[in-house]
Protein backbone atom coordinates (compact mmCIF):
# COMPACT_ATOMS: atom_id res chain seq x y z
CA UNK A 1 46.56 -22.70 61.93
CA UNK A 2 45.29 -19.76 63.96
CA UNK A 3 42.74 -17.25 62.72
CA UNK A 4 45.28 -14.47 62.05
CA UNK A 5 47.48 -16.72 59.93
CA UNK A 6 44.46 -17.90 57.94
CA UNK A 7 43.43 -14.31 57.26
CA UNK A 8 46.93 -13.35 56.09
CA UNK A 9 47.13 -16.46 53.92
CA UNK A 10 43.80 -15.66 52.26
CA UNK A 11 44.87 -12.09 51.50
CA UNK A 12 48.13 -13.33 50.03
CA UNK A 13 46.16 -15.83 47.94
CA UNK A 14 43.82 -13.17 46.55
CA UNK A 15 46.63 -10.71 45.80
CA UNK A 16 48.65 -13.45 44.08
CA UNK A 17 45.59 -14.44 42.06
CA UNK A 18 45.09 -10.83 40.93
CA UNK A 19 48.65 -10.43 39.68
CA UNK A 20 48.70 -13.89 38.12
CA UNK A 21 45.53 -13.12 36.15
CA UNK A 22 46.81 -9.66 35.21
CA UNK A 23 50.12 -11.00 33.87
CA UNK A 24 48.26 -13.63 31.85
CA UNK A 25 45.72 -11.19 30.44
CA UNK A 26 48.04 -8.33 29.63
CA UNK A 27 51.24 -10.14 28.66
CA UNK A 28 50.39 -13.82 28.03
CA UNK A 29 52.65 -14.71 30.98
CA UNK A 30 54.95 -17.66 30.20
CA UNK A 31 53.01 -18.12 26.94
CA UNK A 32 50.13 -19.76 28.81
CA UNK A 33 47.72 -18.93 25.98
CA UNK A 34 50.04 -20.37 23.36
CA UNK A 35 51.72 -18.60 20.45
CA UNK A 36 51.74 -14.82 20.07
CA UNK A 37 49.72 -15.29 16.89
CA UNK A 38 46.93 -16.99 18.83
CA UNK A 39 47.17 -14.52 21.72
CA UNK A 40 46.67 -11.61 19.30
CA UNK A 41 43.85 -13.23 17.31
CA UNK A 42 40.96 -11.11 18.69
CA UNK A 43 43.09 -7.96 18.47
CA UNK A 44 44.02 -8.50 14.83
CA UNK A 45 40.40 -9.25 13.93
CA UNK A 46 38.37 -6.57 15.68
CA UNK A 47 40.26 -4.21 17.99
CA UNK A 48 40.86 -1.83 15.08
CA UNK A 49 37.12 -1.10 15.17
CA UNK A 50 37.58 0.47 18.59
CA UNK A 51 40.87 2.28 17.92
CA UNK A 52 39.66 3.69 14.59
CA UNK A 53 36.38 4.64 16.24
CA UNK A 54 38.30 6.64 18.83
CA UNK A 55 40.38 8.33 16.14
CA UNK A 56 37.22 9.24 14.24
CA UNK A 57 35.68 10.58 17.45
CA UNK A 58 38.71 12.74 18.21
CA UNK A 59 38.38 14.20 14.72
CA UNK A 60 34.61 14.63 14.50
CA UNK A 61 33.31 14.38 18.06
CA UNK A 62 31.18 11.35 17.09
CA UNK A 63 32.49 8.23 18.86
CA UNK A 64 31.30 4.94 17.35
CA UNK A 65 32.82 1.62 16.42
CA UNK A 66 34.12 1.52 12.86
CA UNK A 67 37.06 1.22 10.47
CA UNK A 68 39.04 3.73 8.48
CA UNK A 69 39.95 2.54 4.99
CA UNK A 70 43.67 3.13 4.42
CA UNK A 71 44.46 0.94 1.43
CA UNK A 72 46.78 -1.95 2.19
CA UNK A 73 46.31 -3.15 5.73
CA UNK A 74 48.43 -5.50 7.85
CA UNK A 75 46.99 -7.16 10.99
CA UNK A 76 48.97 -5.17 13.58
CA UNK A 77 49.09 -1.91 11.62
CA UNK A 78 46.20 -0.44 13.58
CA UNK A 79 48.36 -0.04 16.68
CA UNK A 80 50.79 2.20 14.83
CA UNK A 81 47.92 4.13 13.26
CA UNK A 82 46.39 4.72 16.69
CA UNK A 83 49.71 5.78 18.21
CA UNK A 84 50.41 8.20 15.35
CA UNK A 85 46.79 9.43 15.20
CA UNK A 86 46.47 8.41 11.56
CA UNK A 87 42.81 9.22 10.85
CA UNK A 88 43.02 9.74 7.10
CA UNK A 89 40.67 7.68 4.96
CA UNK A 90 36.99 6.84 4.46
CA UNK A 91 35.31 5.97 7.74
CA UNK A 92 32.96 2.98 7.71
CA UNK A 93 30.76 2.87 10.80
CA UNK A 94 30.04 -0.43 12.53
CA UNK A 95 26.27 -0.36 12.90
CA UNK A 96 25.47 -3.51 14.85
CA UNK A 97 26.68 -2.36 18.28
CA UNK A 98 26.35 0.83 20.32
CA UNK A 99 30.08 1.00 21.04
CA UNK A 100 30.07 2.34 24.60
CA UNK A 101 33.75 1.39 24.94
CA UNK A 102 34.66 3.88 22.21
CA UNK A 103 32.83 6.68 24.00
CA UNK A 104 34.34 5.90 27.42
CA UNK A 105 37.86 5.16 26.26
CA UNK A 106 37.72 7.98 23.74
CA UNK A 107 37.11 10.30 26.67
CA UNK A 108 40.19 8.93 28.44
CA UNK A 109 42.30 9.32 25.31
CA UNK A 110 41.10 12.87 24.67
CA UNK A 111 41.27 14.22 28.21
CA UNK A 112 44.03 12.15 29.82
CA UNK A 113 46.12 11.18 26.79
CA UNK A 114 45.70 7.43 27.35
CA UNK A 115 47.47 5.26 24.79
CA UNK A 116 46.46 1.75 23.74
CA UNK A 117 48.80 0.15 26.28
CA UNK A 118 47.10 2.14 29.06
CA UNK A 119 43.69 0.94 27.89
CA UNK A 120 44.93 -2.65 27.81
CA UNK A 121 46.22 -2.32 31.36
CA UNK A 122 42.87 -0.90 32.45
CA UNK A 123 40.93 -3.78 30.87
CA UNK A 124 43.29 -6.40 32.30
CA UNK A 125 43.09 -4.83 35.76
CA UNK A 126 39.29 -4.73 35.79
CA UNK A 127 39.08 -8.33 34.61
CA UNK A 128 41.68 -9.47 37.18
CA UNK A 129 39.70 -7.78 39.94
CA UNK A 130 36.54 -9.57 38.80
CA UNK A 131 38.45 -12.88 38.94
CA UNK A 132 39.47 -12.21 42.55
CA UNK A 133 35.92 -11.19 43.49
CA UNK A 134 34.61 -14.46 42.07
CA UNK A 135 37.07 -16.40 44.22
CA UNK A 136 35.66 -14.59 47.27
CA UNK A 137 31.93 -14.34 46.56
CA UNK A 138 31.51 -17.91 45.27
CA UNK A 139 32.48 -19.20 48.70
CA UNK A 140 28.88 -18.63 49.79
CA UNK A 141 27.96 -21.81 47.85
CA UNK A 142 31.33 -23.38 47.07
CA UNK A 143 34.39 -24.34 49.09
CA UNK A 144 37.43 -22.11 48.93
CA UNK A 145 39.16 -24.71 46.80
CA UNK A 146 36.28 -24.87 44.30
CA UNK A 147 36.10 -21.06 44.17
CA UNK A 148 39.83 -20.84 43.40
CA UNK A 149 39.43 -23.51 40.72
CA UNK A 150 36.70 -21.35 39.13
CA UNK A 151 39.03 -18.33 39.14
CA UNK A 152 42.00 -20.30 37.79
CA UNK A 153 39.88 -21.87 35.05
CA UNK A 154 39.15 -18.36 33.80
CA UNK A 155 42.59 -16.82 34.36
CA UNK A 156 44.38 -19.77 32.69
CA UNK A 157 41.97 -20.33 29.80
CA UNK A 158 43.81 -19.55 26.54
CA UNK A 159 40.55 -18.27 25.04
CA UNK A 160 39.85 -15.93 27.95
CA UNK A 161 43.47 -14.72 27.99
CA UNK A 162 43.49 -13.78 24.32
CA UNK A 163 40.20 -11.89 24.68
CA UNK A 164 40.84 -10.27 28.06
CA UNK A 165 42.61 -6.99 27.27
CA UNK A 166 40.94 -6.36 23.91
CA UNK A 167 39.07 -3.04 23.91
CA UNK A 168 36.55 -4.14 21.27
CA UNK A 169 35.21 -7.31 22.91
CA UNK A 170 35.44 -6.00 26.51
CA UNK A 171 35.12 -9.58 27.76
CA UNK A 172 35.13 -8.63 31.45
CA UNK A 173 31.71 -7.02 30.94
CA UNK A 174 30.30 -10.46 30.06
CA UNK A 175 30.78 -11.49 33.70
CA UNK A 176 29.13 -8.45 35.29
CA UNK A 177 25.66 -10.04 35.65
CA UNK A 178 27.22 -13.13 37.27
CA UNK A 179 29.41 -11.18 39.67
CA UNK A 180 26.39 -9.05 40.61
CA UNK A 181 24.46 -12.17 41.62
CA UNK A 182 27.44 -13.58 43.51
CA UNK A 183 27.95 -10.27 45.33
CA UNK A 184 24.31 -9.94 46.38
CA UNK A 185 24.27 -13.56 47.50
CA UNK A 186 27.43 -13.00 49.54
CA UNK A 187 26.40 -9.80 51.30
CA UNK A 188 22.62 -10.10 51.58
CA UNK A 189 19.94 -12.64 52.32
CA UNK A 190 18.21 -13.31 49.01
CA UNK A 191 15.38 -15.04 50.86
CA UNK A 192 14.08 -11.54 51.52
CA UNK A 193 12.03 -10.48 48.54
CA UNK A 194 13.38 -6.91 48.50
CA UNK A 195 16.95 -8.23 48.23
CA UNK A 196 15.94 -10.65 45.51
CA UNK A 197 14.31 -7.85 43.51
CA UNK A 198 17.36 -5.61 43.98
CA UNK A 199 19.54 -8.45 42.68
CA UNK A 200 17.34 -8.79 39.59
CA UNK A 201 17.61 -5.06 38.93
CA UNK A 202 21.41 -5.36 39.14
CA UNK A 203 21.26 -8.19 36.61
CA UNK A 204 19.05 -6.03 34.41
CA UNK A 205 21.37 -3.02 34.39
CA UNK A 206 24.62 -4.96 34.09
CA UNK A 207 23.20 -6.89 31.14
CA UNK A 208 22.25 -3.65 29.40
CA UNK A 209 25.73 -2.34 30.18
CA UNK A 210 27.30 -5.39 28.54
CA UNK A 211 25.05 -5.10 25.48
CA UNK A 212 26.16 -1.49 24.98
CA UNK A 213 29.66 -2.84 24.31
CA UNK A 214 28.45 -5.49 21.87
CA UNK A 215 26.22 -8.54 21.46
CA UNK A 216 28.91 -11.20 21.02
CA UNK A 217 28.01 -14.41 22.89
CA UNK A 218 24.88 -12.77 24.28
CA UNK A 219 22.77 -15.95 24.34
CA UNK A 220 25.48 -17.63 26.43
CA UNK A 221 25.66 -14.69 28.83
CA UNK A 222 21.90 -14.45 29.25
CA UNK A 223 21.51 -18.20 29.74
CA UNK A 224 24.24 -18.67 32.36
CA UNK A 225 23.05 -15.56 34.21
CA UNK A 226 19.57 -17.06 34.51
CA UNK A 227 20.74 -20.55 35.52
CA UNK A 228 23.27 -19.26 38.05
CA UNK A 229 20.59 -17.07 39.64
CA UNK A 230 18.24 -20.06 39.94
CA UNK A 231 21.12 -22.10 41.38
CA UNK A 232 21.64 -19.47 44.11
CA UNK A 233 17.91 -19.31 44.92
CA UNK A 234 17.64 -23.11 45.12
CA UNK A 235 20.57 -23.24 47.53
CA UNK A 236 18.53 -21.07 49.90
CA UNK A 237 15.87 -23.80 50.25
CA UNK A 238 13.03 -21.41 49.45
CA UNK A 239 9.38 -22.30 48.90
CA UNK A 240 8.10 -23.31 45.47
CA UNK A 241 6.08 -20.10 45.30
CA UNK A 242 9.18 -17.99 45.96
CA UNK A 243 11.18 -20.01 43.42
CA UNK A 244 8.48 -19.52 40.80
CA UNK A 245 8.45 -15.77 41.47
CA UNK A 246 12.25 -15.55 41.23
CA UNK A 247 12.22 -17.58 38.01
CA UNK A 248 9.53 -15.45 36.38
CA UNK A 249 11.04 -12.10 37.39
CA UNK A 250 14.63 -12.98 36.49
CA UNK A 251 13.79 -14.43 33.07
CA UNK A 252 11.56 -11.46 32.26
CA UNK A 253 14.10 -8.81 33.25
CA UNK A 254 16.99 -10.60 31.55
CA UNK A 255 15.08 -10.69 28.29
CA UNK A 256 13.76 -7.15 28.75
CA UNK A 257 17.28 -5.85 29.40
CA UNK A 258 18.42 -7.41 26.12
CA UNK A 259 15.54 -5.78 24.24
CA UNK A 260 15.96 -2.38 25.90
CA UNK A 261 19.58 -2.18 24.79
CA UNK A 262 18.27 -1.87 21.23
CA UNK A 263 16.96 1.61 22.09
CA UNK A 264 20.56 2.78 22.48
CA UNK A 265 21.62 0.76 19.45
CA UNK A 266 19.03 2.58 17.34
CA UNK A 267 20.49 5.99 18.28
CA UNK A 268 23.91 5.47 16.69
CA UNK A 269 22.75 4.49 13.21
CA UNK A 270 23.13 7.87 11.55
CA UNK A 271 24.85 7.24 8.23
CA UNK A 272 21.84 5.67 6.51
CA UNK A 273 18.20 6.62 6.33
CA UNK A 274 16.72 3.29 7.38
CA UNK A 275 15.10 2.85 10.78
CA UNK A 276 17.69 1.20 12.98
CA UNK A 277 15.18 -1.27 14.33
CA UNK A 278 14.92 -2.90 10.87
CA UNK A 279 18.65 -3.51 10.83
CA UNK A 280 18.58 -4.97 14.34
CA UNK A 281 15.67 -7.28 13.51
CA UNK A 282 17.43 -8.47 10.39
CA UNK A 283 20.69 -9.16 12.24
CA UNK A 284 18.84 -11.28 14.79
CA UNK A 285 17.11 -13.22 12.03
CA UNK A 286 20.37 -13.62 10.14
CA UNK A 287 22.34 -14.91 13.11
CA UNK A 288 19.55 -17.32 13.96
CA UNK A 289 19.71 -18.60 10.39
CA UNK A 290 16.14 -17.51 9.65
CA UNK A 291 14.84 -15.90 6.48
CA UNK A 292 14.43 -12.13 6.68
CA UNK A 293 12.03 -10.60 4.16
CA UNK A 294 13.27 -7.11 4.99
CA UNK A 295 16.48 -7.89 3.09
CA UNK A 296 14.52 -7.93 -0.16
CA UNK A 297 13.46 -4.32 0.39
CA UNK A 298 16.87 -3.12 1.56
CA UNK A 299 19.90 -5.31 0.70
CA UNK A 300 22.13 -3.10 2.87
CA UNK A 301 20.55 -4.36 6.08
CA UNK A 302 23.06 -7.20 5.94
CA UNK A 303 26.01 -4.81 6.17
CA UNK A 304 27.97 -4.52 9.40
CA UNK A 305 29.83 -1.45 8.15
CA UNK A 306 28.17 1.53 6.49
CA UNK A 307 29.76 4.62 4.95
CA UNK A 308 28.56 7.52 2.82
CA UNK A 309 29.76 5.58 -0.25
CA UNK A 310 27.80 2.39 0.48
CA UNK A 311 25.51 1.54 -2.45
CA UNK A 312 22.73 -1.00 -2.97
CA UNK A 313 24.80 -2.66 -5.71
CA UNK A 314 27.70 -3.08 -3.31
CA UNK A 315 25.37 -4.58 -0.71
CA UNK A 316 23.92 -7.08 -3.19
CA UNK A 317 27.40 -8.32 -4.08
CA UNK A 318 28.23 -8.83 -0.42
CA UNK A 319 24.94 -10.64 0.17
CA UNK A 320 25.93 -13.25 -2.41
CA UNK A 321 28.88 -14.11 -0.18
CA UNK A 322 26.63 -14.82 2.81
CA UNK A 323 24.13 -16.88 0.81
CA UNK A 324 26.42 -19.92 1.00
CA UNK A 325 25.87 -20.09 4.78
CA UNK A 326 22.09 -20.42 4.53
CA UNK A 327 22.27 -24.21 4.30
CA UNK A 328 24.47 -24.65 7.37
CA UNK A 329 23.29 -27.26 9.83
CA UNK A 330 23.24 -26.21 13.48
CA UNK A 331 24.43 -29.69 14.44
CA UNK A 332 27.36 -29.34 12.06
CA UNK A 333 28.39 -26.00 13.55
CA UNK A 334 28.06 -27.33 17.09
CA UNK A 335 30.04 -30.45 16.25
CA UNK A 336 32.98 -28.39 15.04
CA UNK A 337 33.32 -26.86 18.51
CA UNK A 338 33.93 -30.26 20.08
CA UNK A 339 37.18 -30.40 18.13
CA UNK A 340 38.81 -28.40 20.88
CA UNK A 341 41.81 -26.26 20.05
CA UNK A 342 43.66 -24.75 23.03
CA UNK A 343 41.54 -26.20 25.79
CA UNK A 344 44.58 -26.42 28.06
CA UNK A 345 47.19 -23.77 28.88
CA UNK A 346 50.58 -23.95 27.11
CA UNK A 347 49.50 -26.67 24.70
CA UNK A 348 48.82 -24.10 21.98
CA UNK A 349 52.54 -23.42 21.69
CA UNK A 350 52.75 -26.58 19.60
CA UNK A 351 51.00 -24.72 16.77
CA UNK A 352 54.22 -22.95 15.86
CA UNK A 353 55.44 -26.27 14.46
CA UNK A 354 52.65 -26.48 11.91
CA UNK A 355 54.01 -25.83 8.43
CA UNK A 356 52.22 -23.28 6.27
CA UNK A 357 51.08 -25.81 3.66
CA UNK A 358 49.38 -27.86 6.35
CA UNK A 359 47.72 -24.78 7.84
CA UNK A 360 46.32 -23.91 4.41
CA UNK A 361 45.09 -27.48 4.01
CA UNK A 362 43.23 -27.33 7.33
CA UNK A 363 41.70 -23.96 6.44
CA UNK A 364 40.36 -25.37 3.16
CA UNK A 365 38.77 -28.27 5.02
CA UNK A 366 37.01 -26.15 7.61
CA UNK A 367 36.30 -22.93 5.72
CA UNK A 368 35.06 -24.70 2.59
CA UNK A 369 33.53 -27.64 4.47
CA UNK A 370 35.63 -30.10 2.47
CA UNK A 371 35.45 -32.73 5.20
CA UNK A 372 36.11 -35.59 2.75
CA UNK A 373 39.68 -34.32 2.44
CA UNK A 374 40.37 -35.32 6.05
CA UNK A 375 41.14 -38.83 4.80
CA UNK A 376 44.15 -37.42 2.90
CA UNK A 377 45.45 -35.43 5.85
CA UNK A 378 48.39 -37.75 6.52
CA UNK A 379 49.97 -36.89 3.18
CA UNK A 380 50.13 -33.20 4.03
CA UNK A 381 52.20 -32.89 7.19
CA UNK A 382 55.46 -33.86 8.85
CA UNK A 383 56.02 -35.31 12.33
CA UNK A 384 56.04 -31.85 14.00
CA UNK A 385 52.61 -31.11 12.57
CA UNK A 386 51.48 -34.55 13.72
CA UNK A 387 52.29 -33.65 17.34
CA UNK A 388 50.18 -30.46 17.14
CA UNK A 389 47.22 -32.31 15.62
CA UNK A 390 47.56 -35.16 18.11
CA UNK A 391 47.36 -32.64 20.96
CA UNK A 392 44.16 -31.19 19.50
CA UNK A 393 42.70 -34.70 19.33
CA UNK A 394 43.72 -35.42 22.93
CA UNK A 395 42.23 -32.13 24.14
CA UNK A 396 38.99 -32.93 22.32
CA UNK A 397 38.85 -36.30 24.08
CA UNK A 398 39.64 -34.62 27.41
CA UNK A 399 36.82 -32.12 26.88
CA UNK A 400 34.32 -34.91 26.25
CA UNK A 401 35.68 -36.70 29.33
CA UNK A 402 35.13 -33.56 31.43
CA UNK A 403 31.51 -33.42 30.29
CA UNK A 404 31.06 -37.11 31.07
CA UNK A 405 32.66 -36.87 34.53
CA UNK A 406 30.65 -33.78 35.41
CA UNK A 407 27.34 -35.38 34.61
CA UNK A 408 28.34 -38.66 36.24
CA UNK A 409 29.40 -37.07 39.53
CA UNK A 410 27.03 -34.11 39.72
CA UNK A 411 23.87 -35.92 38.62
CA UNK A 412 24.52 -38.79 41.01
CA UNK A 413 25.90 -36.85 43.96
CA UNK A 414 24.81 -33.24 43.46
CA UNK A 415 21.58 -31.66 44.62
CA UNK A 416 18.97 -30.12 42.33
CA UNK A 417 20.74 -26.75 42.30
CA UNK A 418 24.03 -28.33 41.21
CA UNK A 419 22.31 -30.27 38.45
CA UNK A 420 20.55 -27.19 37.12
CA UNK A 421 23.76 -25.14 37.16
CA UNK A 422 25.73 -27.84 35.35
CA UNK A 423 23.08 -28.45 32.71
CA UNK A 424 22.37 -24.72 32.35
CA UNK A 425 26.04 -23.83 31.93
CA UNK A 426 26.41 -26.47 29.21
CA UNK A 427 23.28 -25.31 27.40
CA UNK A 428 24.41 -21.71 27.79
CA UNK A 429 27.66 -22.31 25.94
CA UNK A 430 25.99 -24.47 23.31
CA UNK A 431 23.28 -21.85 22.71
CA UNK A 432 25.69 -19.51 20.94
CA UNK A 433 26.90 -22.18 18.51
CA UNK A 434 23.35 -23.24 17.74
CA UNK A 435 21.45 -19.95 17.77
CA UNK A 436 24.15 -17.78 16.16
CA UNK A 437 25.24 -20.54 13.80
CA UNK A 438 26.33 -18.27 10.94
CA UNK A 439 28.47 -16.11 13.22
CA UNK A 440 29.87 -19.18 14.98
CA UNK A 441 30.79 -20.81 11.67
CA UNK A 442 32.54 -17.73 10.27
CA UNK A 443 34.29 -16.84 13.54
CA UNK A 444 35.55 -20.25 14.59
CA UNK A 445 38.88 -18.57 15.45
CA UNK A 446 37.05 -16.64 18.21
CA UNK A 447 33.92 -18.42 19.42
CA UNK A 448 35.54 -21.18 21.46
CA UNK A 449 35.56 -18.56 24.22
CA UNK A 450 31.84 -19.29 24.70
CA UNK A 451 32.83 -22.54 26.47
CA UNK A 452 34.81 -20.47 28.99
CA UNK A 453 32.06 -17.91 29.51
CA UNK A 454 29.70 -20.52 30.90
CA UNK A 455 30.37 -24.25 31.00
CA UNK A 456 34.07 -24.72 31.79
CA UNK A 457 34.43 -22.55 34.93
CA UNK A 458 31.26 -23.89 36.54
CA UNK A 459 31.95 -27.49 35.48
CA UNK A 460 35.45 -27.47 36.97
CA UNK A 461 34.28 -25.78 40.18
CA UNK A 462 31.42 -28.26 40.62
CA UNK A 463 33.88 -31.12 40.12
CA UNK A 464 36.30 -29.55 42.60
CA UNK A 465 33.43 -29.28 45.08
CA UNK A 466 33.27 -33.08 45.16
CA UNK A 467 36.94 -33.48 46.08
CA UNK A 468 37.85 -34.13 49.70
CA UNK A 469 40.03 -31.13 50.55
CA UNK A 470 39.97 -31.23 54.32
CA UNK A 471 43.75 -31.12 54.47
CA UNK A 472 43.94 -27.84 52.57
CA UNK A 473 40.82 -26.14 53.91
CA UNK A 474 41.50 -22.62 55.23
CA UNK A 475 38.14 -22.34 56.98
């Protein structure tokens, strides 16, 4: 194959990858993510906080995340409310994130009349472009095949697909620190200290940028950013002194970027009189499962949404609801995420065969931690439900097998950089389930995406790196 044909083939590959990812993200192409109910899960849970925040901003000029109380509310109602500019009702501000997406997208709605579909297309396009850039930049350390596997793992992950276009989670921003490292590694020589420092500053600013959208899965994002950076530096065969400097600077600036984002977070808390930093400190303690004495002084620090009608009595009632999570074991929460729903594309379509009684039974087991009822599970479902549950069991076994194969092949055949990246990506995903155990327990319908933000794409690409692909190499 001559050089010109290889170049044309690569361009065709990248363009095809972009459109494939875009169709998956924006339309759930060929139902890859599973049922429409699963595909819309993040949207029906949180996207209203962005759309209502934009509506409130158009009305008042103050753009923040939040919800407008409208009485009875159905999951997809927010899309009609946004389209019809229905901004009537009490506004409850979301006070645990800066909400940069509301400010940016609110500007587009106000000045260019963007609708929600336009914003979805914009998010899907940005994310698809990032996918293509990964497939290009990763080739500095991976084969073309392994780089494409990385991109396909993301673009075909049901959990990435159902998060991708959502304007609340802004999932593409989670990959900005990683793509910054990959880009600098691709275009510059990171053995030069000035290039290494520039790369760290890019990590620093992209991490702050991500935090301004929200702090979901932040421990995973920070961890994999650090481990991938160390992986890149190790691949350069630098001295121990240079490695130590890169390790110290990157870890410091990653953590400092996380802390600095709180300065912006503190600005938006305007509906209550408490210093915003107290609320932030309490949320960190709460998500870590640690006791926060500040809650005794101000019960409302536990609230995610604040309005002018929020009272201390109301906050105390809500706090009683969260008290039941204080005794959660981190091992228990982590263990639940090895029961892997929708690991593979298309398999989630089997969920439409689950009968409603069986769904309710499963919810009682996992929401109320009634694990002893699992022994009676066979009396609650028909053969169609059995197929769906069997597929979950098989995917869980496959996930454990992937972990086993990765460590077997990478730790025996990989170099130190590969081993650190594999172990770091696994620990990065696990960190969210362990450190943010309360959030991970409550949001089990969302948090599986943490596996795809760190471990799965790097694990599959490292495995692919070990495959003999000489017959399909475009180099």
